[in-house]
Amino acid sequence: MHGDCLWPASSVFNLGTVQGNAAVAVLKKALSLQASPAAQLIEAMPQLALATSGAVATQVNRYA
């Protein structure tokens, strides 16, 4: 068993089986469907200007 799964992960994604091929196809489709909305959210975020003066967020701590 793997985590909360009801079946061993190795058998689900075994590409030598029909079940494995179907599982990978479903995973690829799910990732593809999530990619577009995620990209849209990132693009919709306002672009913030970086600080160019002052002591806050303009210096690099070399010892960190």
PDB file of N, CA and C in Angstrom:
ATOM      1  N   MET A   1       0.840  -1.182   0.000  1.00  0.00           N
ATOM      2  CA  MET A   1       0.000   0.000   0.000  1.00  0.00           C
ATOM      3  C   MET A   1       0.888   1.250   0.000  1.00  0.00           C
ATOM      4  N   HIS A   2       0.382   2.334  -0.554  1.00  0.00           N
ATOM      5  CA  HIS A   2       1.125   3.580  -0.631  1.00  0.00           C
ATOM      6  C   HIS A   2       0.257   4.702  -0.085  1.00  0.00           C
ATOM      7  N   GLY A   3       0.596   5.222   1.098  1.00  0.00           N
ATOM      8  CA  GLY A   3      -0.171   6.308   1.689  1.00  0.00           C
ATOM      9  C   GLY A   3      -1.604   5.895   1.949  1.00  0.00           C
ATOM     10  N   ASP A   4      -2.550   6.709   1.480  1.00  0.00           N
ATOM     11  CA  ASP A   4      -3.968   6.435   1.667  1.00  0.00           C
ATOM     12  C   ASP A   4      -4.573   5.651   0.503  1.00  0.00           C
ATOM     13  N   CYS A   5      -3.766   5.244  -0.449  1.00  0.00           N
ATOM     14  CA  CYS A   5      -4.268   4.519  -1.620  1.00  0.00           C
ATOM     15  C   CYS A   5      -4.790   3.149  -1.220  1.00  0.00           C
ATOM     16  N   LEU A   6      -5.723   2.662  -1.997  1.00  0.00           N
ATOM     17  CA  LEU A   6      -6.289   1.346  -1.740  1.00  0.00           C
ATOM     18  C   LEU A   6      -5.544   0.246  -2.485  1.00  0.00           C
ATOM     19  N   TRP A   7      -4.569   0.621  -3.298  1.00  0.00           N
ATOM     20  CA  TRP A   7      -3.814  -0.359  -4.064  1.00  0.00           C
ATOM     21  C   TRP A   7      -2.361   0.085  -4.107  1.00  0.00           C
ATOM     22  N   PRO A   8      -1.450  -0.840  -4.332  1.00  0.00           N
ATOM     23  CA  PRO A   8      -0.033  -0.470  -4.424  1.00  0.00           C
ATOM     24  C   PRO A   8       0.216   0.453  -5.607  1.00  0.00           C
ATOM     25  N   ALA A   9       0.952   1.525  -5.393  1.00  0.00           N
ATOM     26  CA  ALA A   9       1.213   2.501  -6.455  1.00  0.00           C
ATOM     27  C   ALA A   9       1.926   1.855  -7.637  1.00  0.00           C
ATOM     28  N   SER A  10       2.791   0.897  -7.381  1.00  0.00           N
ATOM     29  CA  SER A  10       3.539   0.282  -8.469  1.00  0.00           C
ATOM     30  C   SER A  10       2.626  -0.446  -9.451  1.00  0.00           C
ATOM     31  N   SER A  11       1.506  -0.997  -8.969  1.00  0.00           N
ATOM     32  CA  SER A  11       0.622  -1.713  -9.877  1.00  0.00           C
ATOM     33  C   SER A  11      -0.282  -0.769 -10.659  1.00  0.00           C
ATOM     34  N   VAL A  12      -0.592   0.401 -10.086  1.00  0.00           N
ATOM     35  CA  VAL A  12      -1.485   1.344 -10.757  1.00  0.00           C
ATOM     36  C   VAL A  12      -0.812   1.954 -11.972  1.00  0.00           C
ATOM     37  N   PHE A  13       0.453   2.337 -11.848  1.00  0.00           N
ATOM     38  CA  PHE A  13       1.140   3.019 -12.934  1.00  0.00           C
ATOM     39  C   PHE A  13       2.075   2.108 -13.713  1.00  0.00           C
ATOM     40  N   ASN A  14       1.840   0.811 -13.657  1.00  0.00           N
ATOM     41  CA  ASN A  14       2.630  -0.121 -14.443  1.00  0.00           C
ATOM     42  C   ASN A  14       2.233   0.052 -15.905  1.00  0.00           C
ATOM     43  N   LEU A  15       3.125   0.631 -16.687  1.00  0.00           N
ATOM     44  CA  LEU A  15       2.791   0.945 -18.077  1.00  0.00           C
ATOM     45  C   LEU A  15       2.639  -0.289 -18.947  1.00  0.00           C
ATOM     46  N   GLY A  16       2.914  -1.444 -18.394  1.00  0.00           N
ATOM     47  CA  GLY A  16       2.733  -2.678 -19.138  1.00  0.00           C
ATOM     48  C   GLY A  16       1.311  -3.211 -19.044  1.00  0.00           C
ATOM     49  N   THR A  17       0.431  -2.479 -18.352  1.00  0.00           N
ATOM     50  CA  THR A  17      -0.942  -2.943 -18.195  1.00  0.00           C
ATOM     51  C   THR A  17      -1.905  -1.916 -18.745  1.00  0.00           C
ATOM     52  N   VAL A  18      -3.083  -2.361 -19.084  1.00  0.00           N
ATOM     53  CA  VAL A  18      -4.133  -1.452 -19.560  1.00  0.00           C
ATOM     54  C   VAL A  18      -4.499  -0.477 -18.446  1.00  0.00           C
ATOM     55  N   GLN A  19      -4.602  -0.999 -17.219  1.00  0.00           N
ATOM     56  CA  GLN A  19      -4.927  -0.135 -16.077  1.00  0.00           C
ATOM     57  C   GLN A  19      -3.861   0.937 -15.884  1.00  0.00           C
ATOM     58  N   GLY A  20      -2.606   0.564 -16.016  1.00  0.00           N
ATOM     59  CA  GLY A  20      -1.510   1.521 -15.869  1.00  0.00           C
ATOM     60  C   GLY A  20      -1.551   2.595 -16.927  1.00  0.00           C
ATOM     61  N   ASN A  21      -1.778   2.198 -18.168  1.00  0.00           N
ATOM     62  CA  ASN A  21      -1.872   3.166 -19.266  1.00  0.00           C
ATOM     63  C   ASN A  21      -3.054   4.106 -19.070  1.00  0.00           C
ATOM     64  N   ALA A  22      -4.170   3.574 -18.603  1.00  0.00           N
ATOM     65  CA  ALA A  22      -5.348   4.409 -18.362  1.00  0.00           C
ATOM     66  C   ALA A  22      -5.082   5.383 -17.220  1.00  0.00           C
ATOM     67  N   ALA A  23      -4.419   4.928 -16.161  1.00  0.00           N
ATOM     68  CA  ALA A  23      -4.117   5.797 -15.032  1.00  0.00           C
ATOM     69  C   ALA A  23      -3.215   6.948 -15.447  1.00  0.00           C
ATOM     70  N   VAL A  24      -2.213   6.668 -16.258  1.00  0.00           N
ATOM     71  CA  VAL A  24      -1.300   7.712 -16.728  1.00  0.00           C
ATOM     72  C   VAL A  24      -2.036   8.681 -17.646  1.00  0.00           C
ATOM     73  N   ALA A  25      -2.908   8.179 -18.498  1.00  0.00           N
ATOM     74  CA  ALA A  25      -3.671   9.045 -19.390  1.00  0.00           C
ATOM     75  C   ALA A  25      -4.585   9.981 -18.600  1.00  0.00           C
ATOM     76  N   VAL A  26      -5.225   9.449 -17.575  1.00  0.00           N
ATOM     77  CA  VAL A  26      -6.107  10.275 -16.736  1.00  0.00           C
ATOM     78  C   VAL A  26      -5.287  11.324 -15.993  1.00  0.00           C
ATOM     79  N   LEU A  27      -4.122  10.942 -15.484  1.00  0.00           N
ATOM     80  CA  LEU A  27      -3.259  11.884 -14.780  1.00  0.00           C
ATOM     81  C   LEU A  27      -2.807  13.004 -15.716  1.00  0.00           C
ATOM     82  N   LYS A  28      -2.393  12.663 -16.923  1.00  0.00           N
ATOM     83  CA  LYS A  28      -1.963  13.676 -17.894  1.00  0.00           C
ATOM     84  C   LYS A  28      -3.099  14.632 -18.226  1.00  0.00           C
ATOM     85  N   LYS A  29      -4.301  14.109 -18.405  1.00  0.00           N
ATOM     86  CA  LYS A  29      -5.459  14.946 -18.724  1.00  0.00           C
ATOM     87  C   LYS A  29      -5.765  15.884 -17.559  1.00  0.00           C
ATOM     88  N   ALA A  30      -5.713  15.375 -16.321  1.00  0.00           N
ATOM     89  CA  ALA A  30      -5.992  16.201 -15.151  1.00  0.00           C
ATOM     90  C   ALA A  30      -4.964  17.327 -15.020  1.00  0.00           C
ATOM     91  N   LEU A  31      -3.698  17.010 -15.253  1.00  0.00           N
ATOM     92  CA  LEU A  31      -2.657  18.041 -15.178  1.00  0.00           C
ATOM     93  C   LEU A  31      -2.844  19.077 -16.279  1.00  0.00           C
ATOM     94  N   SER A  32      -3.234  18.640 -17.454  1.00  0.00           N
ATOM     95  CA  SER A  32      -3.465  19.547 -18.568  1.00  0.00           C
ATOM     96  C   SER A  32      -4.625  20.495 -18.273  1.00  0.00           C
ATOM     97  N   LEU A  33      -5.687  19.966 -17.681  1.00  0.00           N
ATOM     98  CA  LEU A  33      -6.848  20.790 -17.350  1.00  0.00           C
ATOM     99  C   LEU A  33      -6.531  21.808 -16.264  1.00  0.00           C
ATOM    100  N   GLN A  34      -5.609  21.492 -15.373  1.00  0.00           N
ATOM    101  CA  GLN A  34      -5.252  22.404 -14.291  1.00  0.00           C
ATOM    102  C   GLN A  34      -4.252  23.465 -14.735  1.00  0.00           C
ATOM    103  N   ALA A  35      -3.493  23.194 -15.766  1.00  0.00           N
ATOM    104  CA  ALA A  35      -2.429  24.103 -16.182  1.00  0.00           C
ATOM    105  C   ALA A  35      -2.968  25.435 -16.689  1.00  0.00           C
ATOM    106  N   SER A  36      -4.006  25.420 -17.477  1.00  0.00           N
ATOM    107  CA  SER A  36      -4.534  26.653 -18.058  1.00  0.00           C
ATOM    108  C   SER A  36      -5.091  27.609 -17.009  1.00  0.00           C
ATOM    109  N   PRO A  37      -5.952  27.159 -16.092  1.00  0.00           N
ATOM    110  CA  PRO A  37      -6.436  28.082 -15.060  1.00  0.00           C
ATOM    111  C   PRO A  37      -5.313  28.608 -14.164  1.00  0.00           C
ATOM    112  N   ALA A  38      -4.327  27.778 -13.884  1.00  0.00           N
ATOM    113  CA  ALA A  38      -3.207  28.221 -13.049  1.00  0.00           C
ATOM    114  C   ALA A  38      -2.428  29.325 -13.754  1.00  0.00           C
ATOM    115  N   ALA A  39      -2.181  29.159 -15.036  1.00  0.00           N
ATOM    116  CA  ALA A  39      -1.466  30.184 -15.810  1.00  0.00           C
ATOM    117  C   ALA A  39      -2.275  31.479 -15.860  1.00  0.00           C
ATOM    118  N   GLN A  40      -3.584  31.374 -15.991  1.00  0.00           N
ATOM    119  CA  GLN A  40      -4.441  32.562 -16.020  1.00  0.00           C
ATOM    120  C   GLN A  40      -4.387  33.302 -14.684  1.00  0.00           C
ATOM    121  N   LEU A  41      -4.388  32.563 -13.579  1.00  0.00           N
ATOM    122  CA  LEU A  41      -4.300  33.203 -12.263  1.00  0.00           C
ATOM    123  C   LEU A  41      -2.977  33.938 -12.097  1.00  0.00           C
ATOM    124  N   ILE A  42      -1.913  33.331 -12.545  1.00  0.00           N
ATOM    125  CA  ILE A  42      -0.596  33.959 -12.427  1.00  0.00           C
ATOM    126  C   ILE A  42      -0.536  35.222 -13.270  1.00  0.00           C
ATOM    127  N   GLU A  43      -1.068  35.164 -14.478  1.00  0.00           N
ATOM    128  CA  GLU A  43      -1.074  36.332 -15.365  1.00  0.00           C
ATOM    129  C   GLU A  43      -1.935  37.457 -14.810  1.00  0.00           C
ATOM    130  N   ALA A  44      -2.992  37.127 -14.074  1.00  0.00           N
ATOM    131  CA  ALA A  44      -3.915  38.138 -13.550  1.00  0.00           C
ATOM    132  C   ALA A  44      -3.348  38.867 -12.337  1.00  0.00           C
ATOM    133  N   MET A  45      -2.305  38.329 -11.736  1.00  0.00           N
ATOM    134  CA  MET A  45      -1.728  38.970 -10.555  1.00  0.00           C
ATOM    135  C   MET A  45      -1.030  40.268 -10.945  1.00  0.00           C
ATOM    136  N   PRO A  46      -1.187  41.310 -10.117  1.00  0.00           N
ATOM    137  CA  PRO A  46      -0.515  42.580 -10.434  1.00  0.00           C
ATOM    138  C   PRO A  46       1.001  42.439 -10.290  1.00  0.00           C
ATOM    139  N   GLN A  47       1.718  43.151 -11.131  1.00  0.00           N
ATOM    140  CA  GLN A  47       3.174  43.146 -11.068  1.00  0.00           C
ATOM    141  C   GLN A  47       3.615  44.201 -10.070  1.00  0.00           C
ATOM    142  N   LEU A  48       4.290  43.772  -9.025  1.00  0.00           N
ATOM    143  CA  LEU A  48       4.744  44.678  -7.992  1.00  0.00           C
ATOM    144  C   LEU A  48       6.129  45.216  -8.322  1.00  0.00           C
ATOM    145  N   ALA A  49       6.348  46.473  -8.013  1.00  0.00           N
ATOM    146  CA  ALA A  49       7.653  47.079  -8.251  1.00  0.00           C
ATOM    147  C   ALA A  49       8.606  46.683  -7.126  1.00  0.00           C
ATOM    148  N   LEU A  50       9.840  46.415  -7.484  1.00  0.00           N
ATOM    149  CA  LEU A  50      10.850  46.089  -6.487  1.00  0.00           C
ATOM    150  C   LEU A  50      11.345  47.365  -5.813  1.00  0.00           C
ATOM    151  N   ALA A  51      11.721  47.251  -4.560  1.00  0.00           N
ATOM    152  CA  ALA A  51      12.277  48.395  -3.840  1.00  0.00           C
ATOM    153  C   ALA A  51      13.619  48.759  -4.450  1.00  0.00           C
ATOM    154  N   THR A  52      13.847  50.049  -4.633  1.00  0.00           N
ATOM    155  CA  THR A  52      15.110  50.505  -5.215  1.00  0.00           C
ATOM    156  C   THR A  52      15.888  51.401  -4.274  1.00  0.00           C
ATOM    157  N   SER A  53      15.267  51.803  -3.164  1.00  0.00           N
ATOM    158  CA  SER A  53      15.974  52.645  -2.199  1.00  0.00           C
ATOM    159  C   SER A  53      15.531  52.267  -0.797  1.00  0.00           C
ATOM    160  N   GLY A  54      16.325  52.689   0.190  1.00  0.00           N
ATOM    161  CA  GLY A  54      15.996  52.389   1.572  1.00  0.00           C
ATOM    162  C   GLY A  54      16.720  51.143   2.052  1.00  0.00           C
ATOM    163  N   ALA A  55      16.500  50.825   3.337  1.00  0.00           N
ATOM    164  CA  ALA A  55      17.216  49.710   3.950  1.00  0.00           C
ATOM    165  C   ALA A  55      16.453  48.397   3.866  1.00  0.00           C
ATOM    166  N   VAL A  56      15.194  48.446   3.485  1.00  0.00           N
ATOM    167  CA  VAL A  56      14.373  47.240   3.472  1.00  0.00           C
ATOM    168  C   VAL A  56      14.304  46.671   2.049  1.00  0.00           C
ATOM    169  N   ALA A  57      14.666  45.442   1.894  1.00  0.00           N
ATOM    170  CA  ALA A  57      14.549  44.683   0.644  1.00  0.00           C
ATOM    171  C   ALA A  57      15.419  45.211  -0.488  1.00  0.00           C
ATOM    172  N   THR A  58      16.486  45.918  -0.154  1.00  0.00           N
ATOM    173  CA  THR A  58      17.392  46.382  -1.204  1.00  0.00           C
ATOM    174  C   THR A  58      18.795  45.840  -1.027  1.00  0.00           C
ATOM    175  N   GLN A  59      19.027  45.109   0.055  1.00  0.00           N
ATOM    176  CA  GLN A  59      20.364  44.599   0.318  1.00  0.00           C
ATOM    177  C   GLN A  59      20.312  43.078   0.456  1.00  0.00           C
ATOM    178  N   VAL A  60      21.377  42.429   0.037  1.00  0.00           N
ATOM    179  CA  VAL A  60      21.462  40.980   0.129  1.00  0.00           C
ATOM    180  C   VAL A  60      22.282  40.610   1.358  1.00  0.00           C
ATOM    181  N   ASN A  61      21.777  39.696   2.166  1.00  0.00           N
ATOM    182  CA  ASN A  61      22.508  39.211   3.324  1.00  0.00           C
ATOM    183  C   ASN A  61      23.448  38.110   2.848  1.00  0.00           C
ATOM    184  N   ARG A  62      24.724  38.403   2.796  1.00  0.00           N
ATOM    185  CA  ARG A  62      25.696  37.433   2.295  1.00  0.00           C
ATOM    186  C   ARG A  62      25.913  36.274   3.244  1.00  0.00           C
ATOM    187  N   TYR A  63      25.518  36.426   4.488  1.00  0.00           N
ATOM    188  CA  TYR A  63      25.770  35.407   5.490  1.00  0.00           C
ATOM    189  C   TYR A  63      24.576  34.473   5.692  1.00  0.00           C
ATOM    190  N   ALA A  64      23.513  34.691   4.980  1.00  0.00           N
ATOM    191  CA  ALA A  64      22.307  33.864   5.168  1.00  0.00           C
ATOM    192  C   ALA A  64      22.519  32.466   4.645  1.00  0.00           C
TER     193      ALA A  64
END
